[in-house]
Amino acid sequence: MAKRGGFPGGAMPGNMSNLMKQAQRMQRQMEEGQKELESREFTASVGGGAVEVAVNGKKELLRVKLMEDIVDPEDIETLQDSIVAAVNEAMRQADEASAALMGKMTGGLGGLPF
């Protein structure tokens, strides 16, 4: 009975081998890009700079800076809202950078044979 499927000698054809090399190269590039992204800092401020926050690419809050004017014991809600708005904006910036990195890395996938 004849053997079905596979490749002679068990070796991959040239195209498959090249495809595997390309996938490994892309994986290395993704890892390098992810490390770079994680080390970046994203800063956002609201209220004319009254509240400023910084997050990193891992979406960890690094710093909160408050101007004295924003600290009003009679209006704590404004301070709270300002902090939330600044953190959300910094996180959005980190998300956009991550999406841009992914788009850059996967942009070449259109030429793959599947």
PDB file of N, CA and C in Angstrom:
ATOM      1  N   MET A   1       0.844  -1.177   0.000  1.00  0.00           N
ATOM      2  CA  MET A   1       0.000   0.000   0.000  1.00  0.00           C
ATOM      3  C   MET A   1       0.886   1.235   0.000  1.00  0.00           C
ATOM      4  N   ALA A   2       0.570   2.197  -0.846  1.00  0.00           N
ATOM      5  CA  ALA A   2       1.392   3.396  -0.987  1.00  0.00           C
ATOM      6  C   ALA A   2       1.146   4.351   0.186  1.00  0.00           C
ATOM      7  N   LYS A   3       2.197   5.025   0.554  1.00  0.00           N
ATOM      8  CA  LYS A   3       2.114   6.019   1.629  1.00  0.00           C
ATOM      9  C   LYS A   3       1.425   7.267   1.082  1.00  0.00           C
ATOM     10  N   ARG A   4       0.462   7.802   1.814  1.00  0.00           N
ATOM     11  CA  ARG A   4      -0.271   8.974   1.356  1.00  0.00           C
ATOM     12  C   ARG A   4       0.168  10.205   2.135  1.00  0.00           C
ATOM     13  N   GLY A   5       0.152  11.352   1.475  1.00  0.00           N
ATOM     14  CA  GLY A   5       0.453  12.617   2.139  1.00  0.00           C
ATOM     15  C   GLY A   5       1.926  12.746   2.467  1.00  0.00           C
ATOM     16  N   GLY A   6       2.275  13.828   3.109  1.00  0.00           N
ATOM     17  CA  GLY A   6       3.651  14.053   3.497  1.00  0.00           C
ATOM     18  C   GLY A   6       4.507  14.469   2.315  1.00  0.00           C
ATOM     19  N   PHE A   7       5.782  14.638   2.586  1.00  0.00           N
ATOM     20  CA  PHE A   7       6.716  15.049   1.559  1.00  0.00           C
ATOM     21  C   PHE A   7       7.835  14.027   1.493  1.00  0.00           C
ATOM     22  N   PRO A   8       8.421  13.840   0.335  1.00  0.00           N
ATOM     23  CA  PRO A   8       9.490  12.862   0.189  1.00  0.00           C
ATOM     24  C   PRO A   8      10.594  13.104   1.224  1.00  0.00           C
ATOM     25  N   GLY A   9      10.986  12.053   1.910  1.00  0.00           N
ATOM     26  CA  GLY A   9      12.047  12.178   2.895  1.00  0.00           C
ATOM     27  C   GLY A   9      11.628  12.915   4.150  1.00  0.00           C
ATOM     28  N   GLY A  10      10.378  13.294   4.270  1.00  0.00           N
ATOM     29  CA  GLY A  10       9.884  13.995   5.450  1.00  0.00           C
ATOM     30  C   GLY A  10      10.272  15.465   5.506  1.00  0.00           C
ATOM     31  N   ALA A  11      10.912  15.982   4.482  1.00  0.00           N
ATOM     32  CA  ALA A  11      11.357  17.380   4.486  1.00  0.00           C
ATOM     33  C   ALA A  11      10.228  18.305   4.039  1.00  0.00           C
ATOM     34  N   MET A  12      10.263  19.520   4.546  1.00  0.00           N
ATOM     35  CA  MET A  12       9.281  20.518   4.128  1.00  0.00           C
ATOM     36  C   MET A  12       9.710  21.100   2.792  1.00  0.00           C
ATOM     37  N   PRO A  13       8.764  21.431   1.946  1.00  0.00           N
ATOM     38  CA  PRO A  13       9.136  22.080   0.695  1.00  0.00           C
ATOM     39  C   PRO A  13       9.668  23.484   0.995  1.00  0.00           C
ATOM     40  N   GLY A  14      10.364  24.060   0.051  1.00  0.00           N
ATOM     41  CA  GLY A  14      10.992  25.370   0.229  1.00  0.00           C
ATOM     42  C   GLY A  14      10.037  26.448   0.696  1.00  0.00           C
ATOM     43  N   ASN A  15       8.839  26.489   0.124  1.00  0.00           N
ATOM     44  CA  ASN A  15       7.885  27.529   0.503  1.00  0.00           C
ATOM     45  C   ASN A  15       7.479  27.417   1.962  1.00  0.00           C
ATOM     46  N   MET A  16       7.294  26.207   2.455  1.00  0.00           N
ATOM     47  CA  MET A  16       6.902  26.004   3.847  1.00  0.00           C
ATOM     48  C   MET A  16       8.045  26.414   4.773  1.00  0.00           C
ATOM     49  N   SER A  17       9.238  26.080   4.393  1.00  0.00           N
ATOM     50  CA  SER A  17      10.411  26.443   5.188  1.00  0.00           C
ATOM     51  C   SER A  17      10.539  27.964   5.272  1.00  0.00           C
ATOM     52  N   ASN A  18      10.359  28.639   4.154  1.00  0.00           N
ATOM     53  CA  ASN A  18      10.420  30.106   4.136  1.00  0.00           C
ATOM     54  C   ASN A  18       9.307  30.707   4.982  1.00  0.00           C
ATOM     55  N   LEU A  19       8.152  30.100   4.927  1.00  0.00           N
ATOM     56  CA  LEU A  19       7.021  30.566   5.717  1.00  0.00           C
ATOM     57  C   LEU A  19       7.318  30.450   7.212  1.00  0.00           C
ATOM     58  N   MET A  20       7.918  29.367   7.613  1.00  0.00           N
ATOM     59  CA  MET A  20       8.275  29.176   9.024  1.00  0.00           C
ATOM     60  C   MET A  20       9.311  30.204   9.469  1.00  0.00           C
ATOM     61  N   LYS A  21      10.288  30.474   8.621  1.00  0.00           N
ATOM     62  CA  LYS A  21      11.307  31.477   8.940  1.00  0.00           C
ATOM     63  C   LYS A  21      10.673  32.852   9.079  1.00  0.00           C
ATOM     64  N   GLN A  22       9.739  33.159   8.191  1.00  0.00           N
ATOM     65  CA  GLN A  22       9.052  34.450   8.246  1.00  0.00           C
ATOM     66  C   GLN A  22       8.242  34.557   9.533  1.00  0.00           C
ATOM     67  N   ALA A  23       7.576  33.500   9.930  1.00  0.00           N
ATOM     68  CA  ALA A  23       6.784  33.505  11.159  1.00  0.00           C
ATOM     69  C   ALA A  23       7.685  33.695  12.376  1.00  0.00           C
ATOM     70  N   GLN A  24       8.838  33.059  12.399  1.00  0.00           N
ATOM     71  CA  GLN A  24       9.770  33.223  13.516  1.00  0.00           C
ATOM     72  C   GLN A  24      10.303  34.648  13.577  1.00  0.00           C
ATOM     73  N   ARG A  25      10.605  35.212  12.422  1.00  0.00           N
ATOM     74  CA  ARG A  25      11.089  36.595  12.361  1.00  0.00           C
ATOM     75  C   ARG A  25      10.011  37.553  12.869  1.00  0.00           C
ATOM     76  N   MET A  26       8.771  37.324  12.458  1.00  0.00           N
ATOM     77  CA  MET A  26       7.668  38.176  12.919  1.00  0.00           C
ATOM     78  C   MET A  26       7.482  38.053  14.432  1.00  0.00           C
ATOM     79  N   GLN A  27       7.640  36.851  14.969  1.00  0.00           N
ATOM     80  CA  GLN A  27       7.492  36.656  16.407  1.00  0.00           C
ATOM     81  C   GLN A  27       8.563  37.445  17.155  1.00  0.00           C
ATOM     82  N   ARG A  28       9.805  37.415  16.676  1.00  0.00           N
ATOM     83  CA  ARG A  28      10.879  38.181  17.316  1.00  0.00           C
ATOM     84  C   ARG A  28      10.571  39.673  17.257  1.00  0.00           C
ATOM     85  N   GLN A  29      10.104  40.137  16.109  1.00  0.00           N
ATOM     86  CA  GLN A  29       9.773  41.551  15.959  1.00  0.00           C
ATOM     87  C   GLN A  29       8.646  41.950  16.903  1.00  0.00           C
ATOM     88  N   MET A  30       7.652  41.085  17.053  1.00  0.00           N
ATOM     89  CA  MET A  30       6.538  41.366  17.963  1.00  0.00           C
ATOM     90  C   MET A  30       7.038  41.465  19.398  1.00  0.00           C
ATOM     91  N   GLU A  31       7.913  40.557  19.803  1.00  0.00           N
ATOM     92  CA  GLU A  31       8.443  40.580  21.160  1.00  0.00           C
ATOM     93  C   GLU A  31       9.241  41.852  21.414  1.00  0.00           C
ATOM     94  N   GLU A  32      10.057  42.251  20.446  1.00  0.00           N
ATOM     95  CA  GLU A  32      10.832  43.481  20.579  1.00  0.00           C
ATOM     96  C   GLU A  32       9.910  44.697  20.647  1.00  0.00           C
ATOM     97  N   GLY A  33       8.912  44.725  19.786  1.00  0.00           N
ATOM     98  CA  GLY A  33       7.957  45.829  19.787  1.00  0.00           C
ATOM     99  C   GLY A  33       7.187  45.911  21.092  1.00  0.00           C
ATOM    100  N   GLN A  34       6.800  44.766  21.631  1.00  0.00           N
ATOM    101  CA  GLN A  34       6.059  44.734  22.894  1.00  0.00           C
ATOM    102  C   GLN A  34       6.927  45.270  24.034  1.00  0.00           C
ATOM    103  N   LYS A  35       8.196  44.890  24.053  1.00  0.00           N
ATOM    104  CA  LYS A  35       9.103  45.395  25.091  1.00  0.00           C
ATOM    105  C   LYS A  35       9.248  46.910  24.992  1.00  0.00           C
ATOM    106  N   GLU A  36       9.377  47.404  23.765  1.00  0.00           N
ATOM    107  CA  GLU A  36       9.492  48.847  23.556  1.00  0.00           C
ATOM    108  C   GLU A  36       8.222  49.556  24.026  1.00  0.00           C
ATOM    109  N   LEU A  37       7.079  49.004  23.664  1.00  0.00           N
ATOM    110  CA  LEU A  37       5.807  49.594  24.059  1.00  0.00           C
ATOM    111  C   LEU A  37       5.671  49.629  25.575  1.00  0.00           C
ATOM    112  N   GLU A  38       6.034  48.541  26.235  1.00  0.00           N
ATOM    113  CA  GLU A  38       5.902  48.480  27.694  1.00  0.00           C
ATOM    114  C   GLU A  38       6.777  49.504  28.389  1.00  0.00           C
ATOM    115  N   SER A  39       7.879  49.896  27.774  1.00  0.00           N
ATOM    116  CA  SER A  39       8.771  50.866  28.405  1.00  0.00           C
ATOM    117  C   SER A  39       8.365  52.313  28.114  1.00  0.00           C
ATOM    118  N   ARG A  40       7.456  52.510  27.178  1.00  0.00           N
ATOM    119  CA  ARG A  40       7.005  53.873  26.850  1.00  0.00           C
ATOM    120  C   ARG A  40       6.103  54.424  27.939  1.00  0.00           C
ATOM    121  N   GLU A  41       6.064  55.740  28.009  1.00  0.00           N
ATOM    122  CA  GLU A  41       5.224  56.427  28.987  1.00  0.00           C
ATOM    123  C   GLU A  41       4.217  57.299  28.236  1.00  0.00           C
ATOM    124  N   PHE A  42       2.967  57.245  28.672  1.00  0.00           N
ATOM    125  CA  PHE A  42       1.888  58.019  28.064  1.00  0.00           C
ATOM    126  C   PHE A  42       1.333  58.963  29.125  1.00  0.00           C
ATOM    127  N   THR A  43       1.313  60.256  28.800  1.00  0.00           N
ATOM    128  CA  THR A  43       0.897  61.278  29.760  1.00  0.00           C
ATOM    129  C   THR A  43      -0.346  61.981  29.235  1.00  0.00           C
ATOM    130  N   ALA A  44      -1.265  62.250  30.149  1.00  0.00           N
ATOM    131  CA  ALA A  44      -2.466  63.007  29.799  1.00  0.00           C
ATOM    132  C   ALA A  44      -2.770  63.974  30.926  1.00  0.00           C
ATOM    133  N   SER A  45      -3.336  65.122  30.555  1.00  0.00           N
ATOM    134  CA  SER A  45      -3.730  66.088  31.573  1.00  0.00           C
ATOM    135  C   SER A  45      -5.114  66.636  31.243  1.00  0.00           C
ATOM    136  N   VAL A  46      -5.805  67.055  32.274  1.00  0.00           N
ATOM    137  CA  VAL A  46      -7.139  67.646  32.134  1.00  0.00           C
ATOM    138  C   VAL A  46      -7.213  68.884  33.010  1.00  0.00           C
ATOM    139  N   GLY A  47      -8.262  69.640  32.786  1.00  0.00           N
ATOM    140  CA  GLY A  47      -8.473  70.839  33.598  1.00  0.00           C
ATOM    141  C   GLY A  47      -7.360  71.850  33.442  1.00  0.00           C
ATOM    142  N   GLY A  48      -6.881  72.017  32.213  1.00  0.00           N
ATOM    143  CA  GLY A  48      -5.809  72.982  31.981  1.00  0.00           C
ATOM    144  C   GLY A  48      -4.520  72.609  32.700  1.00  0.00           C
ATOM    145  N   GLY A  49      -4.302  71.332  32.890  1.00  0.00           N
ATOM    146  CA  GLY A  49      -3.092  70.862  33.560  1.00  0.00           C
ATOM    147  C   GLY A  49      -3.256  70.700  35.059  1.00  0.00           C
ATOM    148  N   ALA A  50      -4.475  70.868  35.546  1.00  0.00           N
ATOM    149  CA  ALA A  50      -4.710  70.741  36.987  1.00  0.00           C
ATOM    150  C   ALA A  50      -4.470  69.309  37.465  1.00  0.00           C
ATOM    151  N   VAL A  51      -4.758  68.348  36.593  1.00  0.00           N
ATOM    152  CA  VAL A  51      -4.502  66.932  36.898  1.00  0.00           C
ATOM    153  C   VAL A  51      -3.705  66.357  35.732  1.00  0.00           C
ATOM    154  N   GLU A  52      -2.578  65.728  36.062  1.00  0.00           N
ATOM    155  CA  GLU A  52      -1.757  65.086  35.050  1.00  0.00           C
ATOM    156  C   GLU A  52      -1.413  63.680  35.542  1.00  0.00           C
ATOM    157  N   VAL A  53      -1.549  62.712  34.647  1.00  0.00           N
ATOM    158  CA  VAL A  53      -1.212  61.330  34.999  1.00  0.00           C
ATOM    159  C   VAL A  53      -0.292  60.752  33.934  1.00  0.00           C
ATOM    160  N   ALA A  54       0.426  59.716  34.331  1.00  0.00           N
ATOM    161  CA  ALA A  54       1.281  58.998  33.391  1.00  0.00           C
ATOM    162  C   ALA A  54       1.067  57.501  33.597  1.00  0.00           C
ATOM    163  N   VAL A  55       0.969  56.784  32.493  1.00  0.00           N
ATOM    164  CA  VAL A  55       0.878  55.323  32.517  1.00  0.00           C
ATOM    165  C   VAL A  55       1.949  54.788  31.585  1.00  0.00           C
ATOM    166  N   ASN A  56       2.301  53.518  31.765  1.00  0.00           N
ATOM    167  CA  ASN A  56       3.246  52.906  30.837  1.00  0.00           C
ATOM    168  C   ASN A  56       2.495  52.005  29.872  1.00  0.00           C
ATOM    169  N   GLY A  57       3.226  51.396  28.959  1.00  0.00           N
ATOM    170  CA  GLY A  57       2.620  50.534  27.952  1.00  0.00           C
ATOM    171  C   GLY A  57       1.996  49.275  28.514  1.00  0.00           C
ATOM    172  N   LYS A  58       2.319  48.946  29.769  1.00  0.00           N
ATOM    173  CA  LYS A  58       1.685  47.799  30.429  1.00  0.00           C
ATOM    174  C   LYS A  58       0.404  48.241  31.131  1.00  0.00           C
ATOM    175  N   LYS A  59       0.035  49.503  30.924  1.00  0.00           N
ATOM    176  CA  LYS A  59      -1.169  50.110  31.502  1.00  0.00           C
ATOM    177  C   LYS A  59      -1.106  50.149  33.026  1.00  0.00           C
ATOM    178  N   GLU A  60       0.085  50.446  33.530  1.00  0.00           N
ATOM    179  CA  GLU A  60       0.265  50.653  34.963  1.00  0.00           C
ATOM    180  C   GLU A  60       0.330  52.149  35.212  1.00  0.00           C
ATOM    181  N   LEU A  61      -0.406  52.611  36.190  1.00  0.00           N
ATOM    182  CA  LEU A  61      -0.386  54.018  36.556  1.00  0.00           C
ATOM    183  C   LEU A  61       0.946  54.315  37.222  1.00  0.00           C
ATOM    184  N   LEU A  62       1.686  55.265  36.665  1.00  0.00           N
ATOM    185  CA  LEU A  62       3.014  55.587  37.178  1.00  0.00           C
ATOM    186  C   LEU A  62       3.020  56.806  38.093  1.00  0.00           C
ATOM    187  N   ARG A  63       2.181  57.778  37.748  1.00  0.00           N
ATOM    188  CA  ARG A  63       2.274  59.056  38.458  1.00  0.00           C
ATOM    189  C   ARG A  63       0.959  59.824  38.344  1.00  0.00           C
ATOM    190  N   VAL A  64       0.627  60.522  39.407  1.00  0.00           N
ATOM    191  CA  VAL A  64      -0.497  61.457  39.416  1.00  0.00           C
ATOM    192  C   VAL A  64       0.045  62.771  39.962  1.00  0.00           C
ATOM    193  N   LYS A  65      -0.153  63.838  39.197  1.00  0.00           N
ATOM    194  CA  LYS A  65       0.316  65.158  39.611  1.00  0.00           C
ATOM    195  C   LYS A  65      -0.904  66.079  39.702  1.00  0.00           C
ATOM    196  N   LEU A  66      -1.065  66.748  40.851  1.00  0.00           N
ATOM    197  CA  LEU A  66      -2.210  67.627  41.071  1.00  0.00           C
ATOM    198  C   LEU A  66      -1.735  69.042  41.359  1.00  0.00           C
ATOM    199  N   MET A  67      -2.399  70.012  40.745  1.00  0.00           N
ATOM    200  CA  MET A  67      -2.155  71.408  41.114  1.00  0.00           C
ATOM    201  C   MET A  67      -2.977  71.691  42.368  1.00  0.00           C
ATOM    202  N   GLU A  68      -2.487  72.554  43.196  1.00  0.00           N
ATOM    203  CA  GLU A  68      -3.190  72.857  44.449  1.00  0.00           C
ATOM    204  C   GLU A  68      -4.606  73.369  44.208  1.00  0.00           C
ATOM    205  N   ASP A  69      -4.810  74.089  43.115  1.00  0.00           N
ATOM    206  CA  ASP A  69      -6.124  74.670  42.830  1.00  0.00           C
ATOM    207  C   ASP A  69      -7.221  73.619  42.690  1.00  0.00           C
ATOM    208  N   ILE A  70      -6.865  72.433  42.243  1.00  0.00           N
ATOM    209  CA  ILE A  70      -7.876  71.395  42.008  1.00  0.00           C
ATOM    210  C   ILE A  70      -8.328  70.742  43.308  1.00  0.00           C
ATOM    211  N   VAL A  71      -7.543  70.874  44.350  1.00  0.00           N
ATOM    212  CA  VAL A  71      -7.858  70.242  45.633  1.00  0.00           C
ATOM    213  C   VAL A  71      -8.754  71.188  46.438  1.00  0.00           C
ATOM    214  N   ASP A  72     -10.057  70.895  46.392  1.00  0.00           N
ATOM    215  CA  ASP A  72     -11.057  71.686  47.114  1.00  0.00           C
ATOM    216  C   ASP A  72     -11.882  70.722  47.961  1.00  0.00           C
ATOM    217  N   PRO A  73     -11.709  70.756  49.280  1.00  0.00           N
ATOM    218  CA  PRO A  73     -12.454  69.827  50.141  1.00  0.00           C
ATOM    219  C   PRO A  73     -13.971  69.936  49.974  1.00  0.00           C
ATOM    220  N   GLU A  74     -14.439  71.049  49.484  1.00  0.00           N
ATOM    221  CA  GLU A  74     -15.875  71.243  49.278  1.00  0.00           C
ATOM    222  C   GLU A  74     -16.352  70.634  47.955  1.00  0.00           C
ATOM    223  N   ASP A  75     -15.418  70.287  47.071  1.00  0.00           N
ATOM    224  CA  ASP A  75     -15.786  69.768  45.749  1.00  0.00           C
ATOM    225  C   ASP A  75     -14.871  68.610  45.361  1.00  0.00           C
ATOM    226  N   ILE A  76     -14.884  67.570  46.144  1.00  0.00           N
ATOM    227  CA  ILE A  76     -14.026  66.411  45.907  1.00  0.00           C
ATOM    228  C   ILE A  76     -14.414  65.677  44.621  1.00  0.00           C
ATOM    229  N   GLU A  77     -15.678  65.789  44.213  1.00  0.00           N
ATOM    230  CA  GLU A  77     -16.153  65.104  43.008  1.00  0.00           C
ATOM    231  C   GLU A  77     -15.424  65.591  41.752  1.00  0.00           C
ATOM    232  N   THR A  78     -15.151  66.875  41.684  1.00  0.00           N
ATOM    233  CA  THR A  78     -14.438  67.406  40.519  1.00  0.00           C
ATOM    234  C   THR A  78     -13.040  66.814  40.434  1.00  0.00           C
ATOM    235  N   LEU A  79     -12.372  66.700  41.555  1.00  0.00           N
ATOM    236  CA  LEU A  79     -11.041  66.088  41.582  1.00  0.00           C
ATOM    237  C   LEU A  79     -11.121  64.631  41.135  1.00  0.00           C
ATOM    238  N   GLN A  80     -12.074  63.911  41.672  1.00  0.00           N
ATOM    239  CA  GLN A  80     -12.220  62.500  41.309  1.00  0.00           C
ATOM    240  C   GLN A  80     -12.498  62.343  39.814  1.00  0.00           C
ATOM    241  N   ASP A  81     -13.417  63.126  39.298  1.00  0.00           N
ATOM    242  CA  ASP A  81     -13.756  63.063  37.874  1.00  0.00           C
ATOM    243  C   ASP A  81     -12.556  63.420  37.000  1.00  0.00           C
ATOM    244  N   SER A  82     -11.789  64.395  37.428  1.00  0.00           N
ATOM    245  CA  SER A  82     -10.613  64.820  36.662  1.00  0.00           C
ATOM    246  C   SER A  82      -9.560  63.717  36.617  1.00  0.00           C
ATOM    247  N   ILE A  83      -9.359  63.043  37.726  1.00  0.00           N
ATOM    248  CA  ILE A  83      -8.384  61.951  37.758  1.00  0.00           C
ATOM    249  C   ILE A  83      -8.835  60.824  36.837  1.00  0.00           C
ATOM    250  N   VAL A  84     -10.095  60.462  36.913  1.00  0.00           N
ATOM    251  CA  VAL A  84     -10.624  59.391  36.054  1.00  0.00           C
ATOM    252  C   VAL A  84     -10.468  59.775  34.582  1.00  0.00           C
ATOM    253  N   ALA A  85     -10.800  61.003  34.231  1.00  0.00           N
ATOM    254  CA  ALA A  85     -10.702  61.444  32.837  1.00  0.00           C
ATOM    255  C   ALA A  85      -9.254  61.405  32.352  1.00  0.00           C
ATOM    256  N   ALA A  86      -8.325  61.841  33.169  1.00  0.00           N
ATOM    257  CA  ALA A  86      -6.915  61.848  32.773  1.00  0.00           C
ATOM    258  C   ALA A  86      -6.387  60.424  32.613  1.00  0.00           C
ATOM    259  N   VAL A  87      -6.724  59.537  33.545  1.00  0.00           N
ATOM    260  CA  VAL A  87      -6.271  58.147  33.455  1.00  0.00           C
ATOM    261  C   VAL A  87      -6.853  57.487  32.204  1.00  0.00           C
ATOM    262  N   ASN A  88      -8.127  57.705  31.942  1.00  0.00           N
ATOM    263  CA  ASN A  88      -8.754  57.121  30.754  1.00  0.00           C
ATOM    264  C   ASN A  88      -8.083  57.609  29.470  1.00  0.00           C
ATOM    265  N   GLU A  89      -7.736  58.881  29.414  1.00  0.00           N
ATOM    266  CA  GLU A  89      -7.072  59.423  28.229  1.00  0.00           C
ATOM    267  C   GLU A  89      -5.680  58.814  28.057  1.00  0.00           C
ATOM    268  N   ALA A  90      -4.931  58.679  29.130  1.00  0.00           N
ATOM    269  CA  ALA A  90      -3.597  58.077  29.041  1.00  0.00           C
ATOM    270  C   ALA A  90      -3.697  56.616  28.614  1.00  0.00           C
ATOM    271  N   MET A  91      -4.682  55.903  29.135  1.00  0.00           N
ATOM    272  CA  MET A  91      -4.881  54.504  28.739  1.00  0.00           C
ATOM    273  C   MET A  91      -5.271  54.407  27.265  1.00  0.00           C
ATOM    274  N   ARG A  92      -6.084  55.336  26.792  1.00  0.00           N
ATOM    275  CA  ARG A  92      -6.469  55.357  25.376  1.00  0.00           C
ATOM    276  C   ARG A  92      -5.238  55.541  24.498  1.00  0.00           C
ATOM    277  N   GLN A  93      -4.332  56.425  24.920  1.00  0.00           N
ATOM    278  CA  GLN A  93      -3.097  56.638  24.170  1.00  0.00           C
ATOM    279  C   GLN A  93      -2.267  55.351  24.117  1.00  0.00           C
ATOM    280  N   ALA A  94      -2.176  54.653  25.237  1.00  0.00           N
ATOM    281  CA  ALA A  94      -1.434  53.387  25.284  1.00  0.00           C
ATOM    282  C   ALA A  94      -2.091  52.350  24.368  1.00  0.00           C
ATOM    283  N   ASP A  95      -3.426  52.299  24.361  1.00  0.00           N
ATOM    284  CA  ASP A  95      -4.147  51.370  23.481  1.00  0.00           C
ATOM    285  C   ASP A  95      -3.877  51.680  22.009  1.00  0.00           C
ATOM    286  N   GLU A  96      -3.889  52.965  21.666  1.00  0.00           N
ATOM    287  CA  GLU A  96      -3.640  53.359  20.278  1.00  0.00           C
ATOM    288  C   GLU A  96      -2.232  52.969  19.851  1.00  0.00           C
ATOM    289  N   ALA A  97      -1.260  53.160  20.735  1.00  0.00           N
ATOM    290  CA  ALA A  97       0.117  52.786  20.415  1.00  0.00           C
ATOM    291  C   ALA A  97       0.226  51.274  20.231  1.00  0.00           C
ATOM    292  N   SER A  98      -0.471  50.524  21.058  1.00  0.00           N
ATOM    293  CA  SER A  98      -0.461  49.064  20.947  1.00  0.00           C
ATOM    294  C   SER A  98      -1.106  48.620  19.636  1.00  0.00           C
ATOM    295  N   ALA A  99      -2.229  49.233  19.286  1.00  0.00           N
ATOM    296  CA  ALA A  99      -2.913  48.897  18.035  1.00  0.00           C
ATOM    297  C   ALA A  99      -2.046  49.251  16.830  1.00  0.00           C
ATOM    298  N   ALA A 100      -1.344  50.380  16.903  1.00  0.00           N
ATOM    299  CA  ALA A 100      -0.462  50.776  15.807  1.00  0.00           C
ATOM    300  C   ALA A 100       0.680  49.779  15.657  1.00  0.00           C
ATOM    301  N   LEU A 101       1.224  49.313  16.771  1.00  0.00           N
ATOM    302  CA  LEU A 101       2.286  48.317  16.733  1.00  0.00           C
ATOM    303  C   LEU A 101       1.779  47.032  16.092  1.00  0.00           C
ATOM    304  N   MET A 102       0.607  46.579  16.496  1.00  0.00           N
ATOM    305  CA  MET A 102       0.037  45.351  15.940  1.00  0.00           C
ATOM    306  C   MET A 102      -0.216  45.509  14.441  1.00  0.00           C
ATOM    307  N   GLY A 103      -0.736  46.647  14.042  1.00  0.00           N
ATOM    308  CA  GLY A 103      -0.990  46.888  12.625  1.00  0.00           C
ATOM    309  C   GLY A 103       0.289  46.884  11.817  1.00  0.00           C
ATOM    310  N   LYS A 104       1.326  47.470  12.387  1.00  0.00           N
ATOM    311  CA  LYS A 104       2.617  47.510  11.711  1.00  0.00           C
ATOM    312  C   LYS A 104       3.188  46.094  11.565  1.00  0.00           C
ATOM    313  N   MET A 105       3.050  45.302  12.604  1.00  0.00           N
ATOM    314  CA  MET A 105       3.612  43.958  12.595  1.00  0.00           C
ATOM    315  C   MET A 105       2.811  43.009  11.713  1.00  0.00           C
ATOM    316  N   THR A 106       1.509  43.144  11.659  1.00  0.00           N
ATOM    317  CA  THR A 106       0.681  42.210  10.895  1.00  0.00           C
ATOM    318  C   THR A 106       0.358  42.721   9.495  1.00  0.00           C
ATOM    319  N   GLY A 107       0.804  43.907   9.166  1.00  0.00           N
ATOM    320  CA  GLY A 107       0.517  44.480   7.857  1.00  0.00           C
ATOM    321  C   GLY A 107       1.032  43.647   6.701  1.00  0.00           C
ATOM    322  N   GLY A 108       2.107  42.904   6.916  1.00  0.00           N
ATOM    323  CA  GLY A 108       2.685  42.099   5.849  1.00  0.00           C
ATOM    324  C   GLY A 108       2.040  40.739   5.682  1.00  0.00           C
ATOM    325  N   LEU A 109       1.037  40.441   6.467  1.00  0.00           N
ATOM    326  CA  LEU A 109       0.423  39.108   6.369  1.00  0.00           C
ATOM    327  C   LEU A 109      -0.385  38.903   5.095  1.00  0.00           C
ATOM    328  N   GLY A 110      -0.701  39.961   4.388  1.00  0.00           N
ATOM    329  CA  GLY A 110      -1.493  39.841   3.179  1.00  0.00           C
ATOM    330  C   GLY A 110      -0.820  39.005   2.107  1.00  0.00           C
ATOM    331  N   GLY A 111       0.500  38.904   2.133  1.00  0.00           N
ATOM    332  CA  GLY A 111       1.211  38.141   1.116  1.00  0.00           C
ATOM    333  C   GLY A 111       1.344  36.656   1.417  1.00  0.00           C
ATOM    334  N   LEU A 112       0.797  36.210   2.549  1.00  0.00           N
ATOM    335  CA  LEU A 112       0.915  34.798   2.873  1.00  0.00           C
ATOM    336  C   LEU A 112      -0.035  33.965   2.016  1.00  0.00           C
ATOM    337  N   PRO A 113       0.330  32.718   1.741  1.00  0.00           N
ATOM    338  CA  PRO A 113      -0.437  31.910   0.792  1.00  0.00           C
ATOM    339  C   PRO A 113      -1.688  31.248   1.364  1.00  0.00           C
ATOM    340  N   PHE A 114      -2.318  31.800   2.373  1.00  0.00           N
ATOM    341  CA  PHE A 114      -3.563  31.220   2.871  1.00  0.00           C
ATOM    342  C   PHE A 114      -4.566  32.280   3.178  1.00  0.00           C
TER     343      PHE A 114
END
